[in-house]
Amino acid sequence: MSPEQNLDKVWQNVLADFELSLSHGNYTTWFKSTKLLALDEASVTIGVINIFGKNQLEIKYPALIKEVL
C-alpha cells in the first residue's frame, strides 16, 4: 500500500468517527470534503476547500481531531 493510500485509509476511518460524533450539518459542512495530506507524530495536515474551512477546523475542532487521530 502506498503512503497516499495509507493516509486515505486512515482519514476514511477518522471521518467515520467524526460522522458519528458531529451533527450531520457540521460533518457535511466542515469535514466531508476534506483530505488528509500528511500525518506525523508532531502535526497533521488536512486539505480543505477554502480558507474559511481551514479557520473553522483550527478554531472549533482541534481537540476532536487530536482525540480521533
PDB file of N, CA and C in Angstrom:
ATOM      1  N   MET A   1       0.849  -1.173   0.000  1.00  0.00           N
ATOM      2  CA  MET A   1       0.000   0.000   0.000  1.00  0.00           C
ATOM      3  C   MET A   1       0.900   1.242   0.000  1.00  0.00           C
ATOM      4  N   SER A   2       0.605   2.179  -0.872  1.00  0.00           N
ATOM      5  CA  SER A   2       1.411   3.395  -0.957  1.00  0.00           C
ATOM      6  C   SER A   2       1.125   4.301   0.241  1.00  0.00           C
ATOM      7  N   PRO A   3       2.032   5.226   0.545  1.00  0.00           N
ATOM      8  CA  PRO A   3       1.789   6.159   1.658  1.00  0.00           C
ATOM      9  C   PRO A   3       0.501   6.963   1.471  1.00  0.00           C
ATOM     10  N   GLU A   4       0.212   7.365   0.236  1.00  0.00           N
ATOM     11  CA  GLU A   4      -1.017   8.122  -0.021  1.00  0.00           C
ATOM     12  C   GLU A   4      -2.256   7.262   0.240  1.00  0.00           C
ATOM     13  N   GLN A   5      -2.215   6.012  -0.174  1.00  0.00           N
ATOM     14  CA  GLN A   5      -3.341   5.107   0.082  1.00  0.00           C
ATOM     15  C   GLN A   5      -3.514   4.884   1.578  1.00  0.00           C
ATOM     16  N   ASN A   6      -2.411   4.801   2.302  1.00  0.00           N
ATOM     17  CA  ASN A   6      -2.468   4.629   3.748  1.00  0.00           C
ATOM     18  C   ASN A   6      -3.116   5.845   4.403  1.00  0.00           C
ATOM     19  N   LEU A   7      -2.724   7.050   3.972  1.00  0.00           N
ATOM     20  CA  LEU A   7      -3.348   8.274   4.504  1.00  0.00           C
ATOM     21  C   LEU A   7      -4.834   8.296   4.204  1.00  0.00           C
ATOM     22  N   ASP A   8      -5.213   7.901   2.992  1.00  0.00           N
ATOM     23  CA  ASP A   8      -6.634   7.867   2.631  1.00  0.00           C
ATOM     24  C   ASP A   8      -7.408   6.903   3.529  1.00  0.00           C
ATOM     25  N   LYS A   9      -6.834   5.753   3.796  1.00  0.00           N
ATOM     26  CA  LYS A   9      -7.484   4.755   4.654  1.00  0.00           C
ATOM     27  C   LYS A   9      -7.638   5.289   6.080  1.00  0.00           C
ATOM     28  N   VAL A  10      -6.572   5.882   6.607  1.00  0.00           N
ATOM     29  CA  VAL A  10      -6.630   6.463   7.950  1.00  0.00           C
ATOM     30  C   VAL A  10      -7.709   7.528   8.000  1.00  0.00           C
ATOM     31  N   TRP A  11      -7.739   8.419   6.992  1.00  0.00           N
ATOM     32  CA  TRP A  11      -8.697   9.518   7.014  1.00  0.00           C
ATOM     33  C   TRP A  11     -10.133   9.021   6.874  1.00  0.00           C
ATOM     34  N   GLN A  12     -10.365   7.988   6.111  1.00  0.00           N
ATOM     35  CA  GLN A  12     -11.717   7.437   5.999  1.00  0.00           C
ATOM     36  C   GLN A  12     -12.195   6.923   7.355  1.00  0.00           C
ATOM     37  N   ASN A  13     -11.316   6.310   8.122  1.00  0.00           N
ATOM     38  CA  ASN A  13     -11.671   5.856   9.472  1.00  0.00           C
ATOM     39  C   ASN A  13     -11.943   7.034  10.402  1.00  0.00           C
ATOM     40  N   VAL A  14     -11.117   8.081  10.279  1.00  0.00           N
ATOM     41  CA  VAL A  14     -11.323   9.287  11.083  1.00  0.00           C
ATOM     42  C   VAL A  14     -12.661   9.930  10.733  1.00  0.00           C
ATOM     43  N   LEU A  15     -12.944  10.046   9.439  1.00  0.00           N
ATOM     44  CA  LEU A  15     -14.206  10.651   9.017  1.00  0.00           C
ATOM     45  C   LEU A  15     -15.406   9.853   9.515  1.00  0.00           C
ATOM     46  N   ALA A  16     -15.282   8.545   9.548  1.00  0.00           N
ATOM     47  CA  ALA A  16     -16.379   7.718  10.072  1.00  0.00           C
ATOM     48  C   ALA A  16     -16.637   8.046  11.543  1.00  0.00           C
ATOM     49  N   ASP A  17     -15.573   8.256  12.319  1.00  0.00           N
ATOM     50  CA  ASP A  17     -15.733   8.661  13.721  1.00  0.00           C
ATOM     51  C   ASP A  17     -16.355  10.047  13.830  1.00  0.00           C
ATOM     52  N   PHE A  18     -15.897  10.978  12.995  1.00  0.00           N
ATOM     53  CA  PHE A  18     -16.455  12.337  13.017  1.00  0.00           C
ATOM     54  C   PHE A  18     -17.936  12.321  12.667  1.00  0.00           C
ATOM     55  N   GLU A  19     -18.305  11.500  11.708  1.00  0.00           N
ATOM     56  CA  GLU A  19     -19.706  11.437  11.285  1.00  0.00           C
ATOM     57  C   GLU A  19     -20.605  10.999  12.438  1.00  0.00           C
ATOM     58  N   LEU A  20     -20.090  10.129  13.298  1.00  0.00           N
ATOM     59  CA  LEU A  20     -20.863   9.689  14.461  1.00  0.00           C
ATOM     60  C   LEU A  20     -20.839  10.711  15.590  1.00  0.00           C
ATOM     61  N   SER A  21     -19.774  11.497  15.682  1.00  0.00           N
ATOM     62  CA  SER A  21     -19.590  12.433  16.797  1.00  0.00           C
ATOM     63  C   SER A  21     -20.238  13.794  16.572  1.00  0.00           C
ATOM     64  N   LEU A  22     -20.406  14.186  15.325  1.00  0.00           N
ATOM     65  CA  LEU A  22     -20.890  15.522  14.996  1.00  0.00           C
ATOM     66  C   LEU A  22     -22.301  15.475  14.435  1.00  0.00           C
ATOM     67  N   SER A  23     -22.966  16.618  14.468  1.00  0.00           N
ATOM     68  CA  SER A  23     -24.256  16.699  13.797  1.00  0.00           C
ATOM     69  C   SER A  23     -24.036  16.510  12.296  1.00  0.00           C
ATOM     70  N   HIS A  24     -25.063  16.086  11.602  1.00  0.00           N
ATOM     71  CA  HIS A  24     -24.962  15.871  10.156  1.00  0.00           C
ATOM     72  C   HIS A  24     -24.510  17.154   9.451  1.00  0.00           C
ATOM     73  N   GLY A  25     -25.068  18.277   9.861  1.00  0.00           N
ATOM     74  CA  GLY A  25     -24.719  19.557   9.248  1.00  0.00           C
ATOM     75  C   GLY A  25     -23.268  19.923   9.440  1.00  0.00           C
ATOM     76  N   ASN A  26     -22.760  19.771  10.659  1.00  0.00           N
ATOM     77  CA  ASN A  26     -21.357  20.098  10.921  1.00  0.00           C
ATOM     78  C   ASN A  26     -20.412  19.151  10.190  1.00  0.00           C
ATOM     79  N   TYR A  27     -20.730  17.875  10.195  1.00  0.00           N
ATOM     80  CA  TYR A  27     -19.891  16.915   9.487  1.00  0.00           C
ATOM     81  C   TYR A  27     -19.845  17.249   7.991  1.00  0.00           C
ATOM     82  N   THR A  28     -21.001  17.451   7.396  1.00  0.00           N
ATOM     83  CA  THR A  28     -21.083  17.731   5.963  1.00  0.00           C
ATOM     84  C   THR A  28     -20.387  19.037   5.601  1.00  0.00           C
ATOM     85  N   THR A  29     -20.601  20.053   6.410  1.00  0.00           N
ATOM     86  CA  THR A  29     -20.032  21.372   6.122  1.00  0.00           C
ATOM     87  C   THR A  29     -18.524  21.408   6.283  1.00  0.00           C
ATOM     88  N   TRP A  30     -18.003  20.839   7.366  1.00  0.00           N
ATOM     89  CA  TRP A  30     -16.591  21.041   7.701  1.00  0.00           C
ATOM     90  C   TRP A  30     -15.679  19.871   7.374  1.00  0.00           C
ATOM     91  N   PHE A  31     -16.200  18.656   7.276  1.00  0.00           N
ATOM     92  CA  PHE A  31     -15.295  17.511   7.136  1.00  0.00           C
ATOM     93  C   PHE A  31     -15.492  16.665   5.887  1.00  0.00           C
ATOM     94  N   LYS A  32     -16.666  16.599   5.349  1.00  0.00           N
ATOM     95  CA  LYS A  32     -16.955  15.642   4.289  1.00  0.00           C
ATOM     96  C   LYS A  32     -16.012  15.775   3.090  1.00  0.00           C
ATOM     97  N   SER A  33     -15.656  16.985   2.712  1.00  0.00           N
ATOM     98  CA  SER A  33     -14.818  17.170   1.523  1.00  0.00           C
ATOM     99  C   SER A  33     -13.341  17.412   1.855  1.00  0.00           C
ATOM    100  N   THR A  34     -12.919  17.014   3.046  1.00  0.00           N
ATOM    101  CA  THR A  34     -11.523  17.183   3.431  1.00  0.00           C
ATOM    102  C   THR A  34     -10.693  15.969   3.035  1.00  0.00           C
ATOM    103  N   LYS A  35      -9.382  16.159   3.085  1.00  0.00           N
ATOM    104  CA  LYS A  35      -8.460  15.072   2.759  1.00  0.00           C
ATOM    105  C   LYS A  35      -7.254  15.177   3.678  1.00  0.00           C
ATOM    106  N   LEU A  36      -6.792  14.051   4.162  1.00  0.00           N
ATOM    107  CA  LEU A  36      -5.577  14.006   4.962  1.00  0.00           C
ATOM    108  C   LEU A  36      -4.376  14.044   4.022  1.00  0.00           C
ATOM    109  N   LEU A  37      -3.563  15.093   4.161  1.00  0.00           N
ATOM    110  CA  LEU A  37      -2.413  15.264   3.277  1.00  0.00           C
ATOM    111  C   LEU A  37      -1.115  14.772   3.889  1.00  0.00           C
ATOM    112  N   ALA A  38      -0.994  14.922   5.210  1.00  0.00           N
ATOM    113  CA  ALA A  38       0.224  14.477   5.891  1.00  0.00           C
ATOM    114  C   ALA A  38      -0.083  14.231   7.355  1.00  0.00           C
ATOM    115  N   LEU A  39       0.631  13.280   7.929  1.00  0.00           N
ATOM    116  CA  LEU A  39       0.449  12.934   9.333  1.00  0.00           C
ATOM    117  C   LEU A  39       1.782  12.444   9.876  1.00  0.00           C
ATOM    118  N   ASP A  40       2.214  13.051  10.981  1.00  0.00           N
ATOM    119  CA  ASP A  40       3.381  12.543  11.683  1.00  0.00           C
ATOM    120  C   ASP A  40       3.145  12.728  13.177  1.00  0.00           C
ATOM    121  N   GLU A  41       4.131  12.432  13.967  1.00  0.00           N
ATOM    122  CA  GLU A  41       3.952  12.478  15.424  1.00  0.00           C
ATOM    123  C   GLU A  41       3.698  13.881  15.952  1.00  0.00           C
ATOM    124  N   ALA A  42       4.124  14.896  15.219  1.00  0.00           N
ATOM    125  CA  ALA A  42       4.020  16.272  15.705  1.00  0.00           C
ATOM    126  C   ALA A  42       2.913  17.086  15.056  1.00  0.00           C
ATOM    127  N   SER A  43       2.437  16.665  13.881  1.00  0.00           N
ATOM    128  CA  SER A  43       1.454  17.505  13.195  1.00  0.00           C
ATOM    129  C   SER A  43       0.592  16.691  12.243  1.00  0.00           C
ATOM    130  N   VAL A  44      -0.494  17.342  11.837  1.00  0.00           N
ATOM    131  CA  VAL A  44      -1.393  16.775  10.844  1.00  0.00           C
ATOM    132  C   VAL A  44      -1.701  17.881   9.840  1.00  0.00           C
ATOM    133  N   THR A  45      -1.747  17.527   8.561  1.00  0.00           N
ATOM    134  CA  THR A  45      -2.100  18.483   7.521  1.00  0.00           C
ATOM    135  C   THR A  45      -3.359  17.975   6.830  1.00  0.00           C
ATOM    136  N   ILE A  46      -4.398  18.802   6.887  1.00  0.00           N
ATOM    137  CA  ILE A  46      -5.690  18.444   6.311  1.00  0.00           C
ATOM    138  C   ILE A  46      -5.979  19.399   5.164  1.00  0.00           C
ATOM    139  N   GLY A  47      -6.313  18.850   4.022  1.00  0.00           N
ATOM    140  CA  GLY A  47      -6.691  19.660   2.877  1.00  0.00           C
ATOM    141  C   GLY A  47      -8.157  20.040   2.982  1.00  0.00           C
ATOM    142  N   VAL A  48      -8.435  21.319   2.802  1.00  0.00           N
ATOM    143  CA  VAL A  48      -9.812  21.841   2.857  1.00  0.00           C
ATOM    144  C   VAL A  48     -10.090  22.630   1.588  1.00  0.00           C
ATOM    145  N   ILE A  49     -11.370  22.951   1.362  1.00  0.00           N
ATOM    146  CA  ILE A  49     -11.724  23.602   0.101  1.00  0.00           C
ATOM    147  C   ILE A  49     -11.527  25.113   0.093  1.00  0.00           C
ATOM    148  N   ASN A  50     -11.442  25.735   1.280  1.00  0.00           N
ATOM    149  CA  ASN A  50     -11.242  27.184   1.308  1.00  0.00           C
ATOM    150  C   ASN A  50     -10.704  27.628   2.667  1.00  0.00           C
ATOM    151  N   ILE A  51     -10.316  28.881   2.755  1.00  0.00           N
ATOM    152  CA  ILE A  51      -9.716  29.418   3.976  1.00  0.00           C
ATOM    153  C   ILE A  51     -10.717  29.433   5.131  1.00  0.00           C
ATOM    154  N   PHE A  52     -11.983  29.630   4.833  1.00  0.00           N
ATOM    155  CA  PHE A  52     -12.986  29.621   5.896  1.00  0.00           C
ATOM    156  C   PHE A  52     -13.051  28.245   6.554  1.00  0.00           C
ATOM    157  N   GLY A  53     -13.015  27.192   5.751  1.00  0.00           N
ATOM    158  CA  GLY A  53     -12.995  25.842   6.303  1.00  0.00           C
ATOM    159  C   GLY A  53     -11.757  25.590   7.133  1.00  0.00           C
ATOM    160  N   LYS A  54     -10.618  26.086   6.680  1.00  0.00           N
ATOM    161  CA  LYS A  54      -9.373  25.955   7.432  1.00  0.00           C
ATOM    162  C   LYS A  54      -9.503  26.614   8.798  1.00  0.00           C
ATOM    163  N   ASN A  55     -10.029  27.828   8.799  1.00  0.00           N
ATOM    164  CA  ASN A  55     -10.190  28.552  10.063  1.00  0.00           C
ATOM    165  C   ASN A  55     -11.131  27.821  11.013  1.00  0.00           C
ATOM    166  N   GLN A  56     -12.215  27.288  10.496  1.00  0.00           N
ATOM    167  CA  GLN A  56     -13.170  26.575  11.351  1.00  0.00           C
ATOM    168  C   GLN A  56     -12.531  25.337  11.978  1.00  0.00           C
ATOM    169  N   LEU A  57     -11.783  24.571  11.188  1.00  0.00           N
ATOM    170  CA  LEU A  57     -11.141  23.374  11.735  1.00  0.00           C
ATOM    171  C   LEU A  57     -10.114  23.752  12.792  1.00  0.00           C
ATOM    172  N   GLU A  58      -9.360  24.818  12.550  1.00  0.00           N
ATOM    173  CA  GLU A  58      -8.337  25.234  13.508  1.00  0.00           C
ATOM    174  C   GLU A  58      -8.933  25.799  14.792  1.00  0.00           C
ATOM    175  N   ILE A  59     -10.071  26.458  14.695  1.00  0.00           N
ATOM    176  CA  ILE A  59     -10.670  27.110  15.862  1.00  0.00           C
ATOM    177  C   ILE A  59     -11.603  26.173  16.632  1.00  0.00           C
ATOM    178  N   LYS A  60     -12.481  25.469  15.908  1.00  0.00           N
ATOM    179  CA  LYS A  60     -13.535  24.705  16.569  1.00  0.00           C
ATOM    180  C   LYS A  60     -13.215  23.236  16.822  1.00  0.00           C
ATOM    181  N   TYR A  61     -12.322  22.648  16.032  1.00  0.00           N
ATOM    182  CA  TYR A  61     -12.191  21.189  16.081  1.00  0.00           C
ATOM    183  C   TYR A  61     -10.798  20.632  16.376  1.00  0.00           C
ATOM    184  N   PRO A  62      -9.850  21.411  16.848  1.00  0.00           N
ATOM    185  CA  PRO A  62      -8.517  20.808  17.059  1.00  0.00           C
ATOM    186  C   PRO A  62      -8.531  19.682  18.094  1.00  0.00           C
ATOM    187  N   ALA A  63      -9.306  19.836  19.159  1.00  0.00           N
ATOM    188  CA  ALA A  63      -9.335  18.796  20.198  1.00  0.00           C
ATOM    189  C   ALA A  63      -9.939  17.499  19.651  1.00  0.00           C
ATOM    190  N   LEU A  64     -11.012  17.607  18.871  1.00  0.00           N
ATOM    191  CA  LEU A  64     -11.642  16.420  18.287  1.00  0.00           C
ATOM    192  C   LEU A  64     -10.681  15.739  17.328  1.00  0.00           C
ATOM    193  N   ILE A  65     -10.015  16.500  16.500  1.00  0.00           N
ATOM    194  CA  ILE A  65      -9.077  15.922  15.529  1.00  0.00           C
ATOM    195  C   ILE A  65      -7.950  15.197  16.273  1.00  0.00           C
ATOM    196  N   LYS A  66      -7.372  15.824  17.282  1.00  0.00           N
ATOM    197  CA  LYS A  66      -6.305  15.190  18.065  1.00  0.00           C
ATOM    198  C   LYS A  66      -6.801  13.924  18.751  1.00  0.00           C
ATOM    199  N   GLU A  67      -7.994  13.984  19.305  1.00  0.00           N
ATOM    200  CA  GLU A  67      -8.552  12.831  20.012  1.00  0.00           C
ATOM    201  C   GLU A  67      -8.729  11.636  19.082  1.00  0.00           C
ATOM    202  N   VAL A  68      -9.278  11.868  17.911  1.00  0.00           N
ATOM    203  CA  VAL A  68      -9.557  10.766  16.996  1.00  0.00           C
ATOM    204  C   VAL A  68      -8.288  10.224  16.350  1.00  0.00           C
ATOM    205  N   LEU A  69      -7.342  11.112  16.061  1.00  0.00           N
ATOM    206  CA  LEU A  69      -6.077  10.643  15.465  1.00  0.00           C
ATOM    207  C   LEU A  69      -5.183  10.023  16.515  1.00  0.00           C
TER     208      LEU A  69
END
